[in-house]
Structure formats: C-alpha cells, structure tokens
Amino acid sequence: MKNSKSAFGIIITVILAIGQITFGIIDFSNNSSSTFDYPKVDPEINRNLEDQFMKMIPMALLTGKMVPGKELLQLQKDSVFPVTEYVNVHLYKKFHLYDSAITSTTELFGKFSKYYFFYDRVEKSASESIVDQWEVLRSKCSRRQIATSIFLHKKLKEYSFKNVTIEEHKFTISWDTIEMQGIAALVETENDRFFFHFISKEKKGHKFDTSFLRKYLNLYLKIE
C-alpha cells in the first residue's frame, strides 16, 4: 500500500501541524535551544483515519471527488427511470440514490452494498468515437484525485436496436488494493451518448466475473 501510505501520511502531517498550532505545542520562543515537542499519535486513531480514507477511494475513482455523494433516498419499491426512446433504467428496491450533481455528466447514481449502477450523458462528439469519449471521461474522473489509478477496458460486443447503437465493454479501475470491476453499455443516439455502468468493488486480484456483472447490467438497463 505504498501509494495509500504516502497519501495518508500527507493527511496525518496536516492534522498534526494544525494540532500543534492550535494547542500551542510548538514553542515559538527566540531561544535557539528551543525544541519541538511532537505529540504521539494513538495507533488506533491512525488506523481509523486510514480506514476512513480508504473508504473514500471507490467514490473518488468513479466521480473524481474524495467526498461521499449526498444520499437522496433509498428506493422502497422497484422503480423505472426513463432515459430516452427505447431506453429505460429499472432499479430494484433498496438501492440508495445519490445526488447526480456529483459530476456534470451523471444523470443517475445508485449504490447497494458494494455495487454501483450509474450512467452519464454527454453530447455526441463529431471528432471522437463513442469509446474514445467514454475512455476520456472515465480516465479523467479516476485520475482527478487518484493520479496513479489505472483504467483498462476490453470491447465485448457491438449491436444495434432500431435507431440505437450499443457497445459493451468490460473494464477495471484500480489503485493500491482496490479494484472497481464493471461492465459498461455505451449507447449512441442521434445527438447524445449514454454510458451505463454496473460495477462491483473488489480487492485487486479478484477474478473478474463477466457473466455476473453483465447479468445485472441487463437487469437494470432495458433497451427495448
């Protein structure tokens, strides 16, 4: 956990500096022989702070923000969210919905246990393919706070339905011991592109279960 220890160390340093100034721990006398009396940090507090820091990483990798999104509600029944013609989102009850304003492109963001379902909407680019536009967005989000994160993807299939074109990709976004494993459906209409994701938070090295992730993406995303 070299990277996490380094980032966490910076946080601890800032906390200690604030504490030293606030409580007068540092002696700012003119005596050149004055010494600095640094406080001891309780190892348990240190571990708790590190745990809290690591819990923020998944959201940072997905949204580019190191703060949890604002939870709006927990679904009490299965719910349908219209997206565009032929495309709807069906989320089961118990999903927690968060303020989609967490990013400028996110239209819906849901979470249940270690699983995430969300989608972005962007204007169709005339100079970039749909996968290029998606890759730029995901890389930008994951690296905004975690510059050393790694985003990898592989195309699974491409197909069309009426006036909608769809590409499916499996992908991972990883950093330190955390790996976000997901399936994305990239949907293109005449003017817009929609990027749907179903993601599971796992430890790095966990086997990528393509069939499981695809099954639930297809349950939540309905193109019909």
Protein backbone atom coordinates (compact mmCIF):
# COMPACT_ATOMS: atom_id res chain seq x y z
CA MET A 1 0.00 0.00 0.00
CA LYS A 2 2.85 2.36 -0.83
CA ASN A 3 0.65 4.92 -2.59
CA SER A 4 -2.07 4.90 0.07
CA LYS A 5 0.51 5.18 2.86
CA SER A 6 2.04 8.18 1.11
CA ALA A 7 -1.29 9.94 0.63
CA PHE A 8 -2.39 9.05 4.14
CA GLY A 9 0.90 10.33 5.51
CA ILE A 10 0.24 13.73 3.99
CA ILE A 11 -3.17 13.85 5.69
CA ILE A 12 -1.66 12.92 9.07
CA THR A 13 1.08 15.55 8.65
CA VAL A 14 -1.52 18.27 8.02
CA ILE A 15 -3.60 17.14 11.01
CA LEU A 16 -0.55 17.19 13.30
CA ALA A 17 0.51 20.62 12.06
CA ILE A 18 -2.95 22.05 12.76
CA GLY A 19 -2.96 20.45 16.19
CA GLN A 20 0.47 21.81 17.03
CA ILE A 21 -0.51 25.36 16.12
CA THR A 22 -3.94 25.14 17.75
CA PHE A 23 -2.82 23.79 21.11
CA GLY A 24 0.48 25.64 21.37
CA ILE A 25 2.59 22.52 21.21
CA ILE A 26 5.34 24.28 19.28
CA ASP A 27 7.40 26.72 21.30
CA PHE A 28 7.98 29.78 19.12
CA SER A 29 10.39 31.45 21.56
CA ASN A 30 13.52 33.25 20.42
CA ASN A 31 15.67 30.79 22.34
CA SER A 32 17.74 28.97 19.73
CA SER A 33 17.88 25.93 22.00
CA SER A 34 14.07 25.52 21.94
CA THR A 35 12.95 22.09 20.82
CA PHE A 36 9.79 20.84 19.19
CA ASP A 37 7.66 18.50 21.28
CA TYR A 38 5.70 16.44 18.74
CA PRO A 39 2.61 14.67 20.06
CA LYS A 40 2.30 10.92 19.93
CA VAL A 41 -0.45 9.59 17.68
CA ASP A 42 -2.63 6.81 19.03
CA PRO A 43 -2.18 3.83 16.63
CA GLU A 44 -5.89 3.10 16.86
CA ILE A 45 -6.76 6.63 15.74
CA ASN A 46 -4.22 6.27 12.94
CA ARG A 47 -5.87 3.04 11.77
CA ASN A 48 -9.35 4.55 11.93
CA LEU A 49 -8.27 7.55 9.85
CA GLU A 50 -6.68 5.28 7.29
CA ASP A 51 -9.81 3.13 7.11
CA GLN A 52 -11.93 6.24 6.52
CA PHE A 53 -9.51 7.40 3.84
CA MET A 54 -9.63 4.03 2.01
CA LYS A 55 -13.45 4.01 2.14
CA MET A 56 -13.47 7.25 0.13
CA ILE A 57 -11.33 5.81 -2.67
CA PRO A 58 -14.11 4.00 -4.64
CA MET A 59 -16.18 7.17 -4.96
CA ALA A 60 -13.06 9.12 -5.94
CA LEU A 61 -12.26 6.60 -8.68
CA LEU A 62 -15.78 6.84 -10.10
CA THR A 63 -16.59 10.53 -9.68
CA GLY A 64 -13.27 12.32 -9.23
CA LYS A 65 -14.31 13.58 -5.79
CA MET A 66 -12.86 12.48 -2.47
CA VAL A 67 -16.12 13.07 -0.62
CA PRO A 68 -19.21 10.86 -0.45
CA GLY A 69 -22.11 11.94 -2.56
CA LYS A 70 -25.23 13.31 -0.93
CA GLU A 71 -27.72 10.48 -0.45
CA LEU A 72 -31.22 11.50 -1.54
CA LEU A 73 -33.29 8.41 -0.76
CA GLN A 74 -33.47 4.65 -0.58
CA LEU A 75 -35.89 3.07 -3.02
CA GLN A 76 -38.81 1.37 -1.27
CA LYS A 77 -40.05 -0.36 -4.43
CA ASP A 78 -38.75 -1.34 -7.84
CA SER A 79 -38.62 1.82 -9.93
CA VAL A 80 -38.35 2.77 -13.61
CA PHE A 81 -36.36 5.78 -14.81
CA PRO A 82 -36.92 6.78 -18.47
CA VAL A 83 -33.70 7.73 -20.27
CA THR A 84 -34.55 8.17 -23.95
CA GLU A 85 -36.64 6.44 -26.60
CA TYR A 86 -36.29 2.64 -26.27
CA VAL A 87 -34.02 3.01 -23.22
CA ASN A 88 -35.07 2.80 -19.55
CA VAL A 89 -33.41 2.05 -16.23
CA HIS A 90 -35.11 -0.41 -13.84
CA LEU A 91 -33.66 -0.30 -10.32
CA TYR A 92 -34.78 -2.68 -7.59
CA LYS A 93 -35.89 -1.52 -4.17
CA LYS A 94 -33.23 -0.95 -1.51
CA PHE A 95 -30.94 0.86 -3.95
CA HIS A 96 -29.61 4.09 -2.45
CA LEU A 97 -29.83 7.04 -4.85
CA TYR A 98 -27.31 9.89 -4.66
CA ASP A 99 -27.38 13.44 -5.94
CA SER A 100 -26.46 13.15 -9.62
CA ALA A 101 -24.86 16.60 -9.48
CA ILE A 102 -21.80 14.86 -8.06
CA THR A 103 -20.45 15.18 -11.64
CA SER A 104 -21.54 17.38 -14.52
CA THR A 105 -22.39 14.41 -16.77
CA THR A 106 -24.04 11.98 -14.32
CA GLU A 107 -27.82 11.64 -14.65
CA LEU A 108 -28.45 8.86 -12.11
CA PHE A 109 -26.19 7.36 -9.44
CA GLY A 110 -27.25 4.37 -7.35
CA LYS A 111 -25.44 2.16 -4.84
CA PHE A 112 -26.31 -1.03 -2.98
CA SER A 113 -23.75 -2.72 -0.72
CA LYS A 114 -20.52 -2.91 -2.77
CA TYR A 115 -22.32 -2.47 -6.11
CA TYR A 116 -22.78 0.71 -8.15
CA PHE A 117 -25.10 1.48 -11.04
CA PHE A 118 -24.89 4.86 -12.71
CA TYR A 119 -24.93 6.48 -16.11
CA ASP A 120 -23.52 9.56 -17.77
CA ARG A 121 -24.94 11.56 -20.64
CA VAL A 122 -22.74 13.57 -23.00
CA GLU A 123 -23.27 15.39 -26.26
CA LYS A 124 -22.18 13.32 -29.23
CA SER A 125 -18.71 14.29 -30.39
CA ALA A 126 -18.07 14.68 -34.11
CA SER A 127 -14.34 14.04 -33.70
CA GLU A 128 -14.29 11.18 -31.15
CA SER A 129 -15.73 7.68 -31.30
CA ILE A 130 -18.11 6.65 -28.55
CA VAL A 131 -15.46 4.51 -26.84
CA ASP A 132 -12.89 7.31 -27.05
CA GLN A 133 -15.31 9.76 -25.46
CA TRP A 134 -16.16 7.28 -22.70
CA GLU A 135 -12.50 6.47 -22.06
CA VAL A 136 -11.59 10.14 -21.72
CA LEU A 137 -14.43 10.71 -19.24
CA ARG A 138 -13.64 7.67 -17.08
CA SER A 139 -9.90 8.35 -17.05
CA LYS A 140 -10.47 11.99 -16.19
CA CYS A 141 -12.71 11.08 -13.25
CA SER A 142 -10.49 8.35 -11.84
CA ARG A 143 -7.29 10.37 -12.07
CA ARG A 144 -8.62 13.68 -10.81
CA GLN A 145 -7.95 12.69 -7.19
CA ILE A 146 -6.01 9.45 -7.69
CA ALA A 147 -3.43 10.31 -10.32
CA THR A 148 -1.85 6.84 -10.25
CA SER A 149 -5.09 4.94 -10.82
CA ILE A 150 -5.23 2.56 -13.78
CA PHE A 151 -8.19 2.29 -16.17
CA LEU A 152 -8.34 -0.70 -18.53
CA HIS A 153 -11.14 -1.93 -20.78
CA LYS A 154 -11.93 -4.50 -23.45
CA LYS A 155 -14.71 -4.49 -26.02
CA LEU A 156 -17.13 -7.41 -25.68
CA LYS A 157 -19.65 -6.82 -28.46
CA GLU A 158 -21.44 -4.24 -30.59
CA TYR A 159 -25.02 -4.28 -31.85
CA SER A 160 -27.92 -2.05 -32.88
CA PHE A 161 -31.57 -1.79 -31.92
CA LYS A 162 -33.78 0.41 -34.10
CA ASN A 163 -32.04 3.83 -34.05
CA VAL A 164 -29.78 2.97 -31.10
CA THR A 165 -26.20 1.66 -31.35
CA ILE A 166 -24.72 -0.18 -28.36
CA GLU A 167 -21.20 -1.25 -27.43
CA GLU A 168 -20.45 -3.39 -24.39
CA HIS A 169 -17.09 -3.18 -22.62
CA LYS A 170 -15.71 -4.82 -19.52
CA PHE A 171 -13.35 -2.63 -17.51
CA THR A 172 -11.39 -2.19 -14.31
CA ILE A 173 -10.33 0.93 -12.43
CA SER A 174 -7.70 0.05 -9.87
CA TRP A 175 -5.48 1.69 -7.28
CA ASP A 176 -3.49 0.15 -4.46
CA THR A 177 -5.52 -2.82 -3.13
CA ILE A 178 -8.86 -1.63 -4.57
CA GLU A 179 -10.25 -2.66 -7.95
CA MET A 180 -13.54 -1.50 -9.41
CA GLN A 181 -14.71 -4.22 -11.81
CA GLY A 182 -17.50 -3.37 -14.20
CA ILE A 183 -19.46 -3.80 -17.41
CA ALA A 184 -20.39 -0.72 -19.42
CA ALA A 185 -23.03 -0.32 -22.13
CA LEU A 186 -22.19 2.62 -24.38
CA VAL A 187 -25.37 3.78 -26.10
CA GLU A 188 -25.43 6.19 -29.01
CA THR A 189 -28.48 8.04 -30.31
CA GLU A 190 -28.67 10.72 -32.98
CA ASN A 191 -27.43 13.55 -30.76
CA ASP A 192 -26.34 12.05 -27.43
CA ARG A 193 -24.23 9.30 -25.94
CA PHE A 194 -25.09 7.46 -22.74
CA PHE A 195 -22.59 5.48 -20.67
CA PHE A 196 -24.24 2.92 -18.37
CA HIS A 197 -22.16 1.11 -15.74
CA PHE A 198 -22.66 -1.76 -13.32
CA ILE A 199 -19.64 -2.03 -11.00
CA SER A 200 -18.50 -4.19 -8.12
CA LYS A 201 -15.85 -3.05 -5.63
CA GLU A 202 -13.32 -5.84 -5.13
CA LYS A 203 -9.82 -6.44 -3.85
CA LYS A 204 -7.18 -6.34 -6.56
CA GLY A 205 -6.63 -9.79 -7.99
CA HIS A 206 -10.26 -10.88 -7.54
CA LYS A 207 -11.46 -12.88 -10.54
CA PHE A 208 -13.46 -10.76 -12.99
CA ASP A 209 -16.93 -12.34 -13.20
CA THR A 210 -18.10 -11.15 -16.61
CA SER A 211 -21.34 -13.16 -16.68
CA PHE A 212 -22.43 -11.94 -13.22
CA LEU A 213 -21.76 -8.27 -13.98
CA ARG A 214 -23.40 -8.48 -17.41
CA LYS A 215 -26.45 -10.23 -15.93
CA TYR A 216 -27.13 -7.39 -13.53
CA LEU A 217 -26.38 -4.66 -16.04
CA ASN A 218 -29.00 -6.25 -18.31
CA LEU A 219 -31.45 -6.42 -15.41
CA TYR A 220 -31.09 -2.72 -14.66
CA LEU A 221 -30.70 -1.40 -18.22
CA LYS A 222 -33.58 -2.11 -20.57
CA ILE A 223 -33.20 -1.37 -24.29
CA GLU A 224 -36.48 -2.43 -25.89
